[in-house]
Amino acid sequence: MDPTYHRFSELFAQLGLATDAEGIEAFIRAHRPLSPNVRLADASFWTESQATLLREQIRQDADWAEIVDQLNAALH
């Protein structure tokens, strides 16, 4: 099976957020730094469906898990 690589813009599209570089950068600037004791999906700025998507991708170690980890690092 070939691994699938996703970009931030694709993850942001899945989350219903702006997908352009400026929108992604603005989101990260607005929400960082996330407290070290807060898991990415537990952050208060996500909707319930966004948080569920993030949790499921990590739990399932899905194709999206790598980019979700990168978003986690960017916000922490």
PDB file of N, CA and C in Angstrom:
ATOM      1  N   MET A   1       0.844  -1.167   0.000  1.00  0.00           N
ATOM      2  CA  MET A   1       0.000   0.000   0.000  1.00  0.00           C
ATOM      3  C   MET A   1       0.893   1.234   0.000  1.00  0.00           C
ATOM      4  N   ASP A   2       0.601   2.186  -0.874  1.00  0.00           N
ATOM      5  CA  ASP A   2       1.349   3.429  -0.932  1.00  0.00           C
ATOM      6  C   ASP A   2       0.827   4.395   0.127  1.00  0.00           C
ATOM      7  N   PRO A   3       1.761   5.020   0.859  1.00  0.00           N
ATOM      8  CA  PRO A   3       1.300   6.015   1.837  1.00  0.00           C
ATOM      9  C   PRO A   3       0.762   7.245   1.124  1.00  0.00           C
ATOM     10  N   THR A   4      -0.194   7.880   1.735  1.00  0.00           N
ATOM     11  CA  THR A   4      -0.759   9.111   1.198  1.00  0.00           C
ATOM     12  C   THR A   4      -0.242  10.258   2.037  1.00  0.00           C
ATOM     13  N   TYR A   5       0.266  11.284   1.364  1.00  0.00           N
ATOM     14  CA  TYR A   5       0.787  12.448   2.064  1.00  0.00           C
ATOM     15  C   TYR A   5      -0.180  13.604   1.878  1.00  0.00           C
ATOM     16  N   HIS A   6      -0.511  14.244   2.981  1.00  0.00           N
ATOM     17  CA  HIS A   6      -1.438  15.362   2.946  1.00  0.00           C
ATOM     18  C   HIS A   6      -0.716  16.640   3.335  1.00  0.00           C
ATOM     19  N   ARG A   7      -1.238  17.741   2.862  1.00  0.00           N
ATOM     20  CA  ARG A   7      -0.698  19.056   3.196  1.00  0.00           C
ATOM     21  C   ARG A   7      -1.599  19.727   4.226  1.00  0.00           C
ATOM     22  N   PHE A   8      -1.031  20.759   4.889  1.00  0.00           N
ATOM     23  CA  PHE A   8      -1.823  21.538   5.841  1.00  0.00           C
ATOM     24  C   PHE A   8      -3.104  22.035   5.184  1.00  0.00           C
ATOM     25  N   SER A   9      -3.000  22.504   3.956  1.00  0.00           N
ATOM     26  CA  SER A   9      -4.185  23.060   3.293  1.00  0.00           C
ATOM     27  C   SER A   9      -5.288  22.013   3.177  1.00  0.00           C
ATOM     28  N   GLU A  10      -4.933  20.761   2.951  1.00  0.00           N
ATOM     29  CA  GLU A  10      -5.929  19.698   2.843  1.00  0.00           C
ATOM     30  C   GLU A  10      -6.559  19.402   4.208  1.00  0.00           C
ATOM     31  N   LEU A  11      -5.732  19.411   5.260  1.00  0.00           N
ATOM     32  CA  LEU A  11      -6.268  19.199   6.601  1.00  0.00           C
ATOM     33  C   LEU A  11      -7.184  20.353   6.992  1.00  0.00           C
ATOM     34  N   PHE A  12      -6.760  21.573   6.688  1.00  0.00           N
ATOM     35  CA  PHE A  12      -7.592  22.725   7.008  1.00  0.00           C
ATOM     36  C   PHE A  12      -8.908  22.680   6.238  1.00  0.00           C
ATOM     37  N   ALA A  13      -8.887  22.181   5.022  1.00  0.00           N
ATOM     38  CA  ALA A  13     -10.130  22.013   4.255  1.00  0.00           C
ATOM     39  C   ALA A  13     -11.039  21.003   4.958  1.00  0.00           C
ATOM     40  N   GLN A  14     -10.468  19.904   5.433  1.00  0.00           N
ATOM     41  CA  GLN A  14     -11.249  18.898   6.162  1.00  0.00           C
ATOM     42  C   GLN A  14     -11.865  19.490   7.429  1.00  0.00           C
ATOM     43  N   LEU A  15     -11.157  20.442   8.022  1.00  0.00           N
ATOM     44  CA  LEU A  15     -11.629  21.075   9.254  1.00  0.00           C
ATOM     45  C   LEU A  15     -12.563  22.256   8.986  1.00  0.00           C
ATOM     46  N   GLY A  16     -12.751  22.584   7.713  1.00  0.00           N
ATOM     47  CA  GLY A  16     -13.635  23.689   7.357  1.00  0.00           C
ATOM     48  C   GLY A  16     -13.021  25.055   7.612  1.00  0.00           C
ATOM     49  N   LEU A  17     -11.705  25.131   7.545  1.00  0.00           N
ATOM     50  CA  LEU A  17     -10.987  26.375   7.796  1.00  0.00           C
ATOM     51  C   LEU A  17     -10.382  26.907   6.502  1.00  0.00           C
ATOM     52  N   ALA A  18      -9.892  28.136   6.559  1.00  0.00           N
ATOM     53  CA  ALA A  18      -9.222  28.736   5.395  1.00  0.00           C
ATOM     54  C   ALA A  18      -8.050  27.855   4.977  1.00  0.00           C
ATOM     55  N   THR A  19      -7.872  27.694   3.677  1.00  0.00           N
ATOM     56  CA  THR A  19      -6.846  26.786   3.179  1.00  0.00           C
ATOM     57  C   THR A  19      -5.663  27.490   2.530  1.00  0.00           C
ATOM     58  N   ASP A  20      -5.741  28.807   2.398  1.00  0.00           N
ATOM     59  CA  ASP A  20      -4.616  29.529   1.796  1.00  0.00           C
ATOM     60  C   ASP A  20      -3.524  29.722   2.852  1.00  0.00           C
ATOM     61  N   ALA A  21      -2.308  29.977   2.405  1.00  0.00           N
ATOM     62  CA  ALA A  21      -1.161  30.097   3.306  1.00  0.00           C
ATOM     63  C   ALA A  21      -1.386  31.167   4.364  1.00  0.00           C
ATOM     64  N   GLU A  22      -1.953  32.298   3.971  1.00  0.00           N
ATOM     65  CA  GLU A  22      -2.183  33.382   4.925  1.00  0.00           C
ATOM     66  C   GLU A  22      -3.196  32.972   5.987  1.00  0.00           C
ATOM     67  N   GLY A  23      -4.251  32.286   5.585  1.00  0.00           N
ATOM     68  CA  GLY A  23      -5.268  31.827   6.522  1.00  0.00           C
ATOM     69  C   GLY A  23      -4.731  30.803   7.503  1.00  0.00           C
ATOM     70  N   ILE A  24      -3.905  29.898   7.008  1.00  0.00           N
ATOM     71  CA  ILE A  24      -3.303  28.871   7.871  1.00  0.00           C
ATOM     72  C   ILE A  24      -2.365  29.525   8.875  1.00  0.00           C
ATOM     73  N   GLU A  25      -1.518  30.435   8.389  1.00  0.00           N
ATOM     74  CA  GLU A  25      -0.588  31.124   9.278  1.00  0.00           C
ATOM     75  C   GLU A  25      -1.335  31.944  10.328  1.00  0.00           C
ATOM     76  N   ALA A  26      -2.403  32.612   9.918  1.00  0.00           N
ATOM     77  CA  ALA A  26      -3.192  33.418  10.856  1.00  0.00           C
ATOM     78  C   ALA A  26      -3.831  32.530  11.922  1.00  0.00           C
ATOM     79  N   PHE A  27      -4.344  31.379  11.531  1.00  0.00           N
ATOM     80  CA  PHE A  27      -4.944  30.450  12.491  1.00  0.00           C
ATOM     81  C   PHE A  27      -3.913  30.009  13.519  1.00  0.00           C
ATOM     82  N   ILE A  28      -2.743  29.617  13.050  1.00  0.00           N
ATOM     83  CA  ILE A  28      -1.697  29.142  13.953  1.00  0.00           C
ATOM     84  C   ILE A  28      -1.244  30.265  14.882  1.00  0.00           C
ATOM     85  N   ARG A  29      -1.048  31.461  14.340  1.00  0.00           N
ATOM     86  CA  ARG A  29      -0.660  32.605  15.181  1.00  0.00           C
ATOM     87  C   ARG A  29      -1.717  32.907  16.241  1.00  0.00           C
ATOM     88  N   ALA A  30      -2.976  32.816  15.862  1.00  0.00           N
ATOM     89  CA  ALA A  30      -4.070  33.150  16.776  1.00  0.00           C
ATOM     90  C   ALA A  30      -4.228  32.135  17.903  1.00  0.00           C
ATOM     91  N   HIS A  31      -3.804  30.902  17.682  1.00  0.00           N
ATOM     92  CA  HIS A  31      -4.082  29.840  18.652  1.00  0.00           C
ATOM     93  C   HIS A  31      -2.857  29.263  19.332  1.00  0.00           C
ATOM     94  N   ARG A  32      -1.696  29.816  19.060  1.00  0.00           N
ATOM     95  CA  ARG A  32      -0.499  29.313  19.725  1.00  0.00           C
ATOM     96  C   ARG A  32      -0.012  30.314  20.725  1.00  0.00           C
ATOM     97  N   PRO A  33       0.685  29.954  21.726  1.00  0.00           N
ATOM     98  CA  PRO A  33       1.049  28.573  22.030  1.00  0.00           C
ATOM     99  C   PRO A  33      -0.068  27.872  22.807  1.00  0.00           C
ATOM    100  N   LEU A  34      -0.306  26.663  22.424  1.00  0.00           N
ATOM    101  CA  LEU A  34      -1.257  25.818  23.126  1.00  0.00           C
ATOM    102  C   LEU A  34      -0.543  25.275  24.364  1.00  0.00           C
ATOM    103  N   SER A  35      -1.203  25.309  25.488  1.00  0.00           N
ATOM    104  CA  SER A  35      -0.600  24.834  26.728  1.00  0.00           C
ATOM    105  C   SER A  35      -0.098  23.400  26.554  1.00  0.00           C
ATOM    106  N   PRO A  36       1.081  23.094  27.090  1.00  0.00           N
ATOM    107  CA  PRO A  36       1.645  21.746  26.930  1.00  0.00           C
ATOM    108  C   PRO A  36       0.756  20.634  27.501  1.00  0.00           C
ATOM    109  N   ASN A  37      -0.101  20.971  28.472  1.00  0.00           N
ATOM    110  CA  ASN A  37      -0.948  19.934  29.067  1.00  0.00           C
ATOM    111  C   ASN A  37      -2.298  19.798  28.361  1.00  0.00           C
ATOM    112  N   VAL A  38      -2.489  20.498  27.233  1.00  0.00           N
ATOM    113  CA  VAL A  38      -3.730  20.397  26.464  1.00  0.00           C
ATOM    114  C   VAL A  38      -3.443  19.624  25.175  1.00  0.00           C
ATOM    115  N   ARG A  39      -4.169  18.539  24.997  1.00  0.00           N
ATOM    116  CA  ARG A  39      -4.042  17.776  23.745  1.00  0.00           C
ATOM    117  C   ARG A  39      -4.673  18.574  22.616  1.00  0.00           C
ATOM    118  N   LEU A  40      -4.144  18.404  21.435  1.00  0.00           N
ATOM    119  CA  LEU A  40      -4.609  19.163  20.278  1.00  0.00           C
ATOM    120  C   LEU A  40      -6.123  19.120  20.146  1.00  0.00           C
ATOM    121  N   ALA A  41      -6.704  17.949  20.152  1.00  0.00           N
ATOM    122  CA  ALA A  41      -8.153  17.812  19.939  1.00  0.00           C
ATOM    123  C   ALA A  41      -8.980  18.356  21.093  1.00  0.00           C
ATOM    124  N   ASP A  42      -8.348  18.576  22.245  1.00  0.00           N
ATOM    125  CA  ASP A  42      -9.058  19.105  23.412  1.00  0.00           C
ATOM    126  C   ASP A  42      -9.010  20.627  23.505  1.00  0.00           C
ATOM    127  N   ALA A  43      -8.347  21.275  22.569  1.00  0.00           N
ATOM    128  CA  ALA A  43      -8.249  22.735  22.598  1.00  0.00           C
ATOM    129  C   ALA A  43      -9.649  23.337  22.469  1.00  0.00           C
ATOM    130  N   SER A  44      -9.856  24.428  23.152  1.00  0.00           N
ATOM    131  CA  SER A  44     -11.193  25.027  23.236  1.00  0.00           C
ATOM    132  C   SER A  44     -11.675  25.661  21.935  1.00  0.00           C
ATOM    133  N   PHE A  45     -10.800  25.890  20.992  1.00  0.00           N
ATOM    134  CA  PHE A  45     -11.197  26.583  19.763  1.00  0.00           C
ATOM    135  C   PHE A  45     -11.784  25.669  18.689  1.00  0.00           C
ATOM    136  N   TRP A  46     -11.750  24.356  18.886  1.00  0.00           N
ATOM    137  CA  TRP A  46     -12.330  23.440  17.904  1.00  0.00           C
ATOM    138  C   TRP A  46     -13.823  23.274  18.147  1.00  0.00           C
ATOM    139  N   THR A  47     -14.562  23.050  17.058  1.00  0.00           N
ATOM    140  CA  THR A  47     -15.941  22.620  17.209  1.00  0.00           C
ATOM    141  C   THR A  47     -15.915  21.144  17.582  1.00  0.00           C
ATOM    142  N   GLU A  48     -17.041  20.633  17.995  1.00  0.00           N
ATOM    143  CA  GLU A  48     -17.110  19.212  18.350  1.00  0.00           C
ATOM    144  C   GLU A  48     -16.730  18.316  17.171  1.00  0.00           C
ATOM    145  N   SER A  49     -17.192  18.661  15.984  1.00  0.00           N
ATOM    146  CA  SER A  49     -16.878  17.825  14.813  1.00  0.00           C
ATOM    147  C   SER A  49     -15.402  17.932  14.424  1.00  0.00           C
ATOM    148  N   GLN A  50     -14.807  19.107  14.567  1.00  0.00           N
ATOM    149  CA  GLN A  50     -13.378  19.247  14.276  1.00  0.00           C
ATOM    150  C   GLN A  50     -12.552  18.426  15.263  1.00  0.00           C
ATOM    151  N   ALA A  51     -12.891  18.514  16.534  1.00  0.00           N
ATOM    152  CA  ALA A  51     -12.169  17.754  17.561  1.00  0.00           C
ATOM    153  C   ALA A  51     -12.300  16.258  17.322  1.00  0.00           C
ATOM    154  N   THR A  52     -13.478  15.820  16.948  1.00  0.00           N
ATOM    155  CA  THR A  52     -13.698  14.401  16.659  1.00  0.00           C
ATOM    156  C   THR A  52     -12.841  13.954  15.481  1.00  0.00           C
ATOM    157  N   LEU A  53     -12.803  14.756  14.435  1.00  0.00           N
ATOM    158  CA  LEU A  53     -11.975  14.423  13.268  1.00  0.00           C
ATOM    159  C   LEU A  53     -10.517  14.259  13.685  1.00  0.00           C
ATOM    160  N   LEU A  54      -9.994  15.207  14.447  1.00  0.00           N
ATOM    161  CA  LEU A  54      -8.593  15.133  14.874  1.00  0.00           C
ATOM    162  C   LEU A  54      -8.337  13.902  15.731  1.00  0.00           C
ATOM    163  N   ARG A  55      -9.213  13.628  16.687  1.00  0.00           N
ATOM    164  CA  ARG A  55      -9.048  12.453  17.557  1.00  0.00           C
ATOM    165  C   ARG A  55      -9.057  11.161  16.753  1.00  0.00           C
ATOM    166  N   GLU A  56     -10.013  11.062  15.845  1.00  0.00           N
ATOM    167  CA  GLU A  56     -10.152   9.828  15.056  1.00  0.00           C
ATOM    168  C   GLU A  56      -8.942   9.589  14.155  1.00  0.00           C
ATOM    169  N   GLN A  57      -8.414  10.620  13.568  1.00  0.00           N
ATOM    170  CA  GLN A  57      -7.261  10.451  12.677  1.00  0.00           C
ATOM    171  C   GLN A  57      -6.046   9.946  13.442  1.00  0.00           C
ATOM    172  N   ILE A  58      -5.856  10.464  14.648  1.00  0.00           N
ATOM    173  CA  ILE A  58      -4.740  10.000  15.475  1.00  0.00           C
ATOM    174  C   ILE A  58      -5.014   8.597  15.996  1.00  0.00           C
ATOM    175  N   ARG A  59      -6.212   8.361  16.502  1.00  0.00           N
ATOM    176  CA  ARG A  59      -6.561   7.050  17.068  1.00  0.00           C
ATOM    177  C   ARG A  59      -6.408   5.938  16.041  1.00  0.00           C
ATOM    178  N   GLN A  60      -6.821   6.209  14.835  1.00  0.00           N
ATOM    179  CA  GLN A  60      -6.766   5.210  13.769  1.00  0.00           C
ATOM    180  C   GLN A  60      -5.408   5.151  13.084  1.00  0.00           C
ATOM    181  N   ASP A  61      -4.507   6.047  13.467  1.00  0.00           N
ATOM    182  CA  ASP A  61      -3.212   6.176  12.791  1.00  0.00           C
ATOM    183  C   ASP A  61      -3.434   6.238  11.281  1.00  0.00           C
ATOM    184  N   ALA A  62      -4.424   7.041  10.906  1.00  0.00           N
ATOM    185  CA  ALA A  62      -4.844   7.174   9.513  1.00  0.00           C
ATOM    186  C   ALA A  62      -3.816   7.971   8.707  1.00  0.00           C
ATOM    187  N   ASP A  63      -4.070   8.053   7.399  1.00  0.00           N
ATOM    188  CA  ASP A  63      -3.194   8.811   6.505  1.00  0.00           C
ATOM    189  C   ASP A  63      -2.996  10.244   6.991  1.00  0.00           C
ATOM    190  N   TRP A  64      -4.006  10.767   7.657  1.00  0.00           N
ATOM    191  CA  TRP A  64      -3.964  12.151   8.124  1.00  0.00           C
ATOM    192  C   TRP A  64      -3.156  12.317   9.401  1.00  0.00           C
ATOM    193  N   ALA A  65      -2.798  11.254  10.089  1.00  0.00           N
ATOM    194  CA  ALA A  65      -2.153  11.342  11.405  1.00  0.00           C
ATOM    195  C   ALA A  65      -0.861  12.153  11.362  1.00  0.00           C
ATOM    196  N   GLU A  66      -0.075  11.992  10.333  1.00  0.00           N
ATOM    197  CA  GLU A  66       1.200  12.709  10.252  1.00  0.00           C
ATOM    198  C   GLU A  66       0.988  14.222  10.187  1.00  0.00           C
ATOM    199  N   ILE A  67       0.058  14.662   9.376  1.00  0.00           N
ATOM    200  CA  ILE A  67      -0.177  16.100   9.256  1.00  0.00           C
ATOM    201  C   ILE A  67      -0.877  16.638  10.502  1.00  0.00           C
ATOM    202  N   VAL A  68      -1.701  15.831  11.156  1.00  0.00           N
ATOM    203  CA  VAL A  68      -2.307  16.234  12.429  1.00  0.00           C
ATOM    204  C   VAL A  68      -1.192  16.412  13.471  1.00  0.00           C
ATOM    205  N   ASP A  69      -0.214  15.518  13.473  1.00  0.00           N
ATOM    206  CA  ASP A  69       0.932  15.663  14.381  1.00  0.00           C
ATOM    207  C   ASP A  69       1.699  16.955  14.082  1.00  0.00           C
ATOM    208  N   GLN A  70       1.841  17.284  12.820  1.00  0.00           N
ATOM    209  CA  GLN A  70       2.537  18.510  12.455  1.00  0.00           C
ATOM    210  C   GLN A  70       1.762  19.750  12.927  1.00  0.00           C
ATOM    211  N   LEU A  71       0.449  19.706  12.815  1.00  0.00           N
ATOM    212  CA  LEU A  71      -0.358  20.805  13.313  1.00  0.00           C
ATOM    213  C   LEU A  71      -0.222  20.907  14.834  1.00  0.00           C
ATOM    214  N   ASN A  72      -0.216  19.773  15.504  1.00  0.00           N
ATOM    215  CA  ASN A  72      -0.015  19.742  16.942  1.00  0.00           C
ATOM    216  C   ASN A  72       1.300  20.431  17.314  1.00  0.00           C
ATOM    217  N   ALA A  73       2.356  20.093  16.621  1.00  0.00           N
ATOM    218  CA  ALA A  73       3.661  20.701  16.898  1.00  0.00           C
ATOM    219  C   ALA A  73       3.634  22.199  16.617  1.00  0.00           C
ATOM    220  N   ALA A  74       2.991  22.605  15.553  1.00  0.00           N
ATOM    221  CA  ALA A  74       2.921  24.034  15.200  1.00  0.00           C
ATOM    222  C   ALA A  74       2.163  24.834  16.248  1.00  0.00           C
ATOM    223  N   LEU A  75       1.165  24.234  16.855  1.00  0.00           N
ATOM    224  CA  LEU A  75       0.359  24.944  17.844  1.00  0.00           C
ATOM    225  C   LEU A  75       0.954  24.895  19.249  1.00  0.00           C
ATOM    226  N   HIS A  76       1.782  23.905  19.506  1.00  0.00           N
ATOM    227  CA  HIS A  76       2.415  23.823  20.826  1.00  0.00           C
ATOM    228  C   HIS A  76       3.719  24.574  20.782  1.00  0.00           C
TER     229      HIS A  76
END
